[in-house]
Amino acid sequence: MKNIKIKTRGMHCGSCEMLVKDSLEELEGVEKADANFKSGIIEVDFDEGKITEKDVMEIIKSEGYEIE
């Protein structure tokens, strides 16, 4: 299991946190996701055998948030 923390821009509220968290946790291989709009940090635990870090970042971008 790999853990990454990704600094983002564009999250403004608790709804943004839930949107990102839910989108990531729907992916096969993502064990846990957490987002904090105040810090802009998204933390993800995932199985590298099922999904890549790049895949995780693409989902975040597809939800409208920028990776710093």
PDB file of N, CA and C in Angstrom:
ATOM      1  N   MET A   1       0.851  -1.176   0.000  1.00  0.00           N
ATOM      2  CA  MET A   1       0.000   0.000   0.000  1.00  0.00           C
ATOM      3  C   MET A   1       0.893   1.234   0.000  1.00  0.00           C
ATOM      4  N   LYS A   2       0.597   2.160  -0.860  1.00  0.00           N
ATOM      5  CA  LYS A   2       1.359   3.406  -0.949  1.00  0.00           C
ATOM      6  C   LYS A   2       0.489   4.554  -0.447  1.00  0.00           C
ATOM      7  N   ASN A   3       1.121   5.507   0.214  1.00  0.00           N
ATOM      8  CA  ASN A   3       0.442   6.701   0.711  1.00  0.00           C
ATOM      9  C   ASN A   3       1.064   7.911   0.039  1.00  0.00           C
ATOM     10  N   ILE A   4       0.230   8.753  -0.550  1.00  0.00           N
ATOM     11  CA  ILE A   4       0.726   9.994  -1.145  1.00  0.00           C
ATOM     12  C   ILE A   4      -0.084  11.167  -0.612  1.00  0.00           C
ATOM     13  N   LYS A   5       0.571  12.320  -0.567  1.00  0.00           N
ATOM     14  CA  LYS A   5      -0.090  13.579  -0.231  1.00  0.00           C
ATOM     15  C   LYS A   5       0.112  14.498  -1.416  1.00  0.00           C
ATOM     16  N   ILE A   6      -0.985  15.030  -1.920  1.00  0.00           N
ATOM     17  CA  ILE A   6      -0.958  15.858  -3.121  1.00  0.00           C
ATOM     18  C   ILE A   6      -1.480  17.238  -2.773  1.00  0.00           C
ATOM     19  N   LYS A   7      -0.694  18.253  -3.074  1.00  0.00           N
ATOM     20  CA  LYS A   7      -1.092  19.649  -2.858  1.00  0.00           C
ATOM     21  C   LYS A   7      -1.899  20.105  -4.070  1.00  0.00           C
ATOM     22  N   THR A   8      -3.084  20.634  -3.804  1.00  0.00           N
ATOM     23  CA  THR A   8      -3.973  21.062  -4.881  1.00  0.00           C
ATOM     24  C   THR A   8      -4.435  22.501  -4.685  1.00  0.00           C
ATOM     25  N   ARG A   9      -5.057  23.019  -5.734  1.00  0.00           N
ATOM     26  CA  ARG A   9      -5.729  24.323  -5.666  1.00  0.00           C
ATOM     27  C   ARG A   9      -7.136  24.147  -6.195  1.00  0.00           C
ATOM     28  N   GLY A  10      -8.062  24.891  -5.621  1.00  0.00           N
ATOM     29  CA  GLY A  10      -9.421  24.910  -6.143  1.00  0.00           C
ATOM     30  C   GLY A  10     -10.490  24.397  -5.204  1.00  0.00           C
ATOM     31  N   MET A  11     -10.089  23.731  -4.118  1.00  0.00           N
ATOM     32  CA  MET A  11     -11.099  23.282  -3.154  1.00  0.00           C
ATOM     33  C   MET A  11     -11.460  24.469  -2.259  1.00  0.00           C
ATOM     34  N   HIS A  12     -12.780  24.711  -2.112  1.00  0.00           N
ATOM     35  CA  HIS A  12     -13.220  25.892  -1.366  1.00  0.00           C
ATOM     36  C   HIS A  12     -14.114  25.585  -0.172  1.00  0.00           C
ATOM     37  N   CYS A  13     -14.559  24.310  -0.056  1.00  0.00           N
ATOM     38  CA  CYS A  13     -15.512  23.999   1.017  1.00  0.00           C
ATOM     39  C   CYS A  13     -15.550  22.500   1.299  1.00  0.00           C
ATOM     40  N   GLY A  14     -16.358  22.139   2.263  1.00  0.00           N
ATOM     41  CA  GLY A  14     -16.525  20.743   2.622  1.00  0.00           C
ATOM     42  C   GLY A  14     -17.105  19.902   1.495  1.00  0.00           C
ATOM     43  N   SER A  15     -17.941  20.499   0.666  1.00  0.00           N
ATOM     44  CA  SER A  15     -18.496  19.766  -0.477  1.00  0.00           C
ATOM     45  C   SER A  15     -17.401  19.383  -1.463  1.00  0.00           C
ATOM     46  N   CYS A  16     -16.434  20.270  -1.642  1.00  0.00           N
ATOM     47  CA  CYS A  16     -15.286  19.970  -2.508  1.00  0.00           C
ATOM     48  C   CYS A  16     -14.517  18.775  -1.951  1.00  0.00           C
ATOM     49  N   GLU A  17     -14.308  18.769  -0.646  1.00  0.00           N
ATOM     50  CA  GLU A  17     -13.613  17.650   0.000  1.00  0.00           C
ATOM     51  C   GLU A  17     -14.334  16.340  -0.282  1.00  0.00           C
ATOM     52  N   MET A  18     -15.638  16.329  -0.084  1.00  0.00           N
ATOM     53  CA  MET A  18     -16.421  15.100  -0.261  1.00  0.00           C
ATOM     54  C   MET A  18     -16.422  14.638  -1.719  1.00  0.00           C
ATOM     55  N   LEU A  19     -16.487  15.572  -2.646  1.00  0.00           N
ATOM     56  CA  LEU A  19     -16.482  15.231  -4.069  1.00  0.00           C
ATOM     57  C   LEU A  19     -15.204  14.492  -4.434  1.00  0.00           C
ATOM     58  N   VAL A  20     -14.071  15.035  -4.029  1.00  0.00           N
ATOM     59  CA  VAL A  20     -12.785  14.417  -4.337  1.00  0.00           C
ATOM     60  C   VAL A  20     -12.649  13.078  -3.620  1.00  0.00           C
ATOM     61  N   LYS A  21     -12.976  13.062  -2.350  1.00  0.00           N
ATOM     62  CA  LYS A  21     -12.870  11.831  -1.555  1.00  0.00           C
ATOM     63  C   LYS A  21     -13.711  10.718  -2.169  1.00  0.00           C
ATOM     64  N   ASP A  22     -14.959  10.997  -2.476  1.00  0.00           N
ATOM     65  CA  ASP A  22     -15.850   9.990  -3.045  1.00  0.00           C
ATOM     66  C   ASP A  22     -15.375   9.516  -4.412  1.00  0.00           C
ATOM     67  N   SER A  23     -14.922  10.438  -5.254  1.00  0.00           N
ATOM     68  CA  SER A  23     -14.441  10.073  -6.594  1.00  0.00           C
ATOM     69  C   SER A  23     -13.237   9.149  -6.506  1.00  0.00           C
ATOM     70  N   LEU A  24     -12.327   9.453  -5.603  1.00  0.00           N
ATOM     71  CA  LEU A  24     -11.128   8.619  -5.458  1.00  0.00           C
ATOM     72  C   LEU A  24     -11.459   7.259  -4.855  1.00  0.00           C
ATOM     73  N   GLU A  25     -12.310   7.229  -3.859  1.00  0.00           N
ATOM     74  CA  GLU A  25     -12.623   5.967  -3.188  1.00  0.00           C
ATOM     75  C   GLU A  25     -13.452   5.025  -4.056  1.00  0.00           C
ATOM     76  N   GLU A  26     -14.026   5.522  -5.143  1.00  0.00           N
ATOM     77  CA  GLU A  26     -14.746   4.669  -6.087  1.00  0.00           C
ATOM     78  C   GLU A  26     -13.792   3.864  -6.957  1.00  0.00           C
ATOM     79  N   LEU A  27     -12.536   4.292  -7.041  1.00  0.00           N
ATOM     80  CA  LEU A  27     -11.566   3.624  -7.895  1.00  0.00           C
ATOM     81  C   LEU A  27     -11.080   2.312  -7.289  1.00  0.00           C
ATOM     82  N   GLU A  28     -10.992   1.287  -8.121  1.00  0.00           N
ATOM     83  CA  GLU A  28     -10.439   0.019  -7.656  1.00  0.00           C
ATOM     84  C   GLU A  28      -8.973   0.237  -7.305  1.00  0.00           C
ATOM     85  N   GLY A  29      -8.593  -0.178  -6.136  1.00  0.00           N
ATOM     86  CA  GLY A  29      -7.212  -0.025  -5.694  1.00  0.00           C
ATOM     87  C   GLY A  29      -7.022   1.089  -4.692  1.00  0.00           C
ATOM     88  N   VAL A  30      -7.981   2.016  -4.608  1.00  0.00           N
ATOM     89  CA  VAL A  30      -7.880   3.080  -3.609  1.00  0.00           C
ATOM     90  C   VAL A  30      -8.492   2.568  -2.309  1.00  0.00           C
ATOM     91  N   GLU A  31      -7.667   2.499  -1.287  1.00  0.00           N
ATOM     92  CA  GLU A  31      -8.102   2.010   0.019  1.00  0.00           C
ATOM     93  C   GLU A  31      -8.794   3.126   0.809  1.00  0.00           C
ATOM     94  N   LYS A  32      -8.188   4.322   0.781  1.00  0.00           N
ATOM     95  CA  LYS A  32      -8.708   5.443   1.565  1.00  0.00           C
ATOM     96  C   LYS A  32      -8.269   6.749   0.917  1.00  0.00           C
ATOM     97  N   ALA A  33      -9.142   7.727   0.964  1.00  0.00           N
ATOM     98  CA  ALA A  33      -8.811   9.068   0.484  1.00  0.00           C
ATOM     99  C   ALA A  33      -9.334  10.080   1.490  1.00  0.00           C
ATOM    100  N   ASP A  34      -8.595  11.163   1.650  1.00  0.00           N
ATOM    101  CA  ASP A  34      -9.000  12.233   2.548  1.00  0.00           C
ATOM    102  C   ASP A  34      -8.593  13.548   1.901  1.00  0.00           C
ATOM    103  N   ALA A  35      -9.434  14.545   2.015  1.00  0.00           N
ATOM    104  CA  ALA A  35      -9.146  15.855   1.430  1.00  0.00           C
ATOM    105  C   ALA A  35      -9.403  16.937   2.470  1.00  0.00           C
ATOM    106  N   ASN A  36      -8.577  17.979   2.427  1.00  0.00           N
ATOM    107  CA  ASN A  36      -8.733  19.104   3.338  1.00  0.00           C
ATOM    108  C   ASN A  36      -8.697  20.384   2.513  1.00  0.00           C
ATOM    109  N   PHE A  37      -9.845  21.048   2.415  1.00  0.00           N
ATOM    110  CA  PHE A  37      -9.895  22.243   1.568  1.00  0.00           C
ATOM    111  C   PHE A  37      -9.070  23.394   2.126  1.00  0.00           C
ATOM    112  N   LYS A  38      -8.923  23.469   3.428  1.00  0.00           N
ATOM    113  CA  LYS A  38      -8.159  24.569   4.023  1.00  0.00           C
ATOM    114  C   LYS A  38      -6.681  24.490   3.656  1.00  0.00           C
ATOM    115  N   SER A  39      -6.124  23.289   3.702  1.00  0.00           N
ATOM    116  CA  SER A  39      -4.702  23.123   3.367  1.00  0.00           C
ATOM    117  C   SER A  39      -4.500  22.825   1.888  1.00  0.00           C
ATOM    118  N   GLY A  40      -5.552  22.349   1.224  1.00  0.00           N
ATOM    119  CA  GLY A  40      -5.433  21.961  -0.177  1.00  0.00           C
ATOM    120  C   GLY A  40      -4.779  20.601  -0.356  1.00  0.00           C
ATOM    121  N   ILE A  41      -4.630  19.860   0.729  1.00  0.00           N
ATOM    122  CA  ILE A  41      -3.962  18.559   0.679  1.00  0.00           C
ATOM    123  C   ILE A  41      -4.977  17.431   0.508  1.00  0.00           C
ATOM    124  N   ILE A  42      -4.678  16.546  -0.441  1.00  0.00           N
ATOM    125  CA  ILE A  42      -5.438  15.319  -0.623  1.00  0.00           C
ATOM    126  C   ILE A  42      -4.477  14.173  -0.311  1.00  0.00           C
ATOM    127  N   GLU A  43      -4.885  13.302   0.601  1.00  0.00           N
ATOM    128  CA  GLU A  43      -4.057  12.165   0.993  1.00  0.00           C
ATOM    129  C   GLU A  43      -4.758  10.889   0.528  1.00  0.00           C
ATOM    130  N   VAL A  44      -3.993  10.028  -0.131  1.00  0.00           N
ATOM    131  CA  VAL A  44      -4.574   8.827  -0.715  1.00  0.00           C
ATOM    132  C   VAL A  44      -3.716   7.609  -0.369  1.00  0.00           C
ATOM    133  N   ASP A  45      -4.376   6.541   0.090  1.00  0.00           N
ATOM    134  CA  ASP A  45      -3.742   5.241   0.287  1.00  0.00           C
ATOM    135  C   ASP A  45      -4.239   4.340  -0.835  1.00  0.00           C
ATOM    136  N   PHE A  46      -3.312   3.754  -1.603  1.00  0.00           N
ATOM    137  CA  PHE A  46      -3.728   2.934  -2.734  1.00  0.00           C
ATOM    138  C   PHE A  46      -2.771   1.781  -2.987  1.00  0.00           C
ATOM    139  N   ASP A  47      -3.274   0.789  -3.709  1.00  0.00           N
ATOM    140  CA  ASP A  47      -2.524  -0.393  -4.085  1.00  0.00           C
ATOM    141  C   ASP A  47      -1.866  -0.135  -5.436  1.00  0.00           C
ATOM    142  N   GLU A  48      -0.540  -0.046  -5.433  1.00  0.00           N
ATOM    143  CA  GLU A  48       0.193   0.254  -6.671  1.00  0.00           C
ATOM    144  C   GLU A  48       0.046  -0.839  -7.731  1.00  0.00           C
ATOM    145  N   GLY A  49      -0.401  -2.011  -7.338  1.00  0.00           N
ATOM    146  CA  GLY A  49      -0.627  -3.084  -8.292  1.00  0.00           C
ATOM    147  C   GLY A  49      -1.920  -2.912  -9.072  1.00  0.00           C
ATOM    148  N   LYS A  50      -2.798  -2.040  -8.600  1.00  0.00           N
ATOM    149  CA  LYS A  50      -4.105  -1.840  -9.235  1.00  0.00           C
ATOM    150  C   LYS A  50      -4.285  -0.460  -9.851  1.00  0.00           C
ATOM    151  N   ILE A  51      -3.573   0.528  -9.335  1.00  0.00           N
ATOM    152  CA  ILE A  51      -3.742   1.904  -9.801  1.00  0.00           C
ATOM    153  C   ILE A  51      -2.423   2.651  -9.600  1.00  0.00           C
ATOM    154  N   THR A  52      -2.174   3.636 -10.441  1.00  0.00           N
ATOM    155  CA  THR A  52      -0.923   4.389 -10.334  1.00  0.00           C
ATOM    156  C   THR A  52      -1.166   5.766  -9.725  1.00  0.00           C
ATOM    157  N   GLU A  53      -0.076   6.382  -9.299  1.00  0.00           N
ATOM    158  CA  GLU A  53      -0.143   7.753  -8.778  1.00  0.00           C
ATOM    159  C   GLU A  53      -0.670   8.690  -9.860  1.00  0.00           C
ATOM    160  N   LYS A  54      -0.268   8.448 -11.094  1.00  0.00           N
ATOM    161  CA  LYS A  54      -0.741   9.276 -12.210  1.00  0.00           C
ATOM    162  C   LYS A  54      -2.261   9.153 -12.363  1.00  0.00           C
ATOM    163  N   ASP A  55      -2.795   7.943 -12.221  1.00  0.00           N
ATOM    164  CA  ASP A  55      -4.253   7.742 -12.301  1.00  0.00           C
ATOM    165  C   ASP A  55      -4.969   8.556 -11.229  1.00  0.00           C
ATOM    166  N   VAL A  56      -4.418   8.549 -10.017  1.00  0.00           N
ATOM    167  CA  VAL A  56      -4.997   9.304  -8.906  1.00  0.00           C
ATOM    168  C   VAL A  56      -5.029  10.788  -9.252  1.00  0.00           C
ATOM    169  N   MET A  57      -3.911  11.297  -9.764  1.00  0.00           N
ATOM    170  CA  MET A  57      -3.842  12.717 -10.112  1.00  0.00           C
ATOM    171  C   MET A  57      -4.804  13.075 -11.244  1.00  0.00           C
ATOM    172  N   GLU A  58      -4.981  12.176 -12.195  1.00  0.00           N
ATOM    173  CA  GLU A  58      -5.913  12.430 -13.301  1.00  0.00           C
ATOM    174  C   GLU A  58      -7.348  12.551 -12.804  1.00  0.00           C
ATOM    175  N   ILE A  59      -7.729  11.746 -11.826  1.00  0.00           N
ATOM    176  CA  ILE A  59      -9.078  11.834 -11.256  1.00  0.00           C
ATOM    177  C   ILE A  59      -9.264  13.182 -10.563  1.00  0.00           C
ATOM    178  N   ILE A  60      -8.258  13.606  -9.814  1.00  0.00           N
ATOM    179  CA  ILE A  60      -8.335  14.910  -9.134  1.00  0.00           C
ATOM    180  C   ILE A  60      -8.504  16.026 -10.164  1.00  0.00           C
ATOM    181  N   LYS A  61      -7.730  15.979 -11.226  1.00  0.00           N
ATOM    182  CA  LYS A  61      -7.831  16.990 -12.282  1.00  0.00           C
ATOM    183  C   LYS A  61      -9.192  16.937 -12.971  1.00  0.00           C
ATOM    184  N   SER A  62      -9.716  15.733 -13.173  1.00  0.00           N
ATOM    185  CA  SER A  62     -11.001  15.600 -13.869  1.00  0.00           C
ATOM    186  C   SER A  62     -12.151  16.191 -13.052  1.00  0.00           C
ATOM    187  N   GLU A  63     -11.950  16.310 -11.738  1.00  0.00           N
ATOM    188  CA  GLU A  63     -12.957  16.926 -10.878  1.00  0.00           C
ATOM    189  C   GLU A  63     -12.822  18.445 -10.837  1.00  0.00           C
ATOM    190  N   GLY A  64     -11.816  18.975 -11.551  1.00  0.00           N
ATOM    191  CA  GLY A  64     -11.690  20.429 -11.681  1.00  0.00           C
ATOM    192  C   GLY A  64     -10.655  21.073 -10.767  1.00  0.00           C
ATOM    193  N   TYR A  65      -9.811  20.272 -10.125  1.00  0.00           N
ATOM    194  CA  TYR A  65      -8.810  20.824  -9.203  1.00  0.00           C
ATOM    195  C   TYR A  65      -7.431  20.751  -9.836  1.00  0.00           C
ATOM    196  N   GLU A  66      -6.598  21.701  -9.490  1.00  0.00           N
ATOM    197  CA  GLU A  66      -5.242  21.779 -10.022  1.00  0.00           C
ATOM    198  C   GLU A  66      -4.255  21.136  -9.069  1.00  0.00           C
ATOM    199  N   ILE A  67      -3.271  20.457  -9.634  1.00  0.00           N
ATOM    200  CA  ILE A  67      -2.188  19.879  -8.850  1.00  0.00           C
ATOM    201  C   ILE A  67      -1.070  20.908  -8.781  1.00  0.00           C
ATOM    202  N   GLU A  68      -0.560  21.163  -7.587  1.00  0.00           N
ATOM    203  CA  GLU A  68       0.541  22.128  -7.449  1.00  0.00           C
ATOM    204  C   GLU A  68       1.874  21.413  -7.514  1.00  0.00           C
TER     205      GLU A  68
END
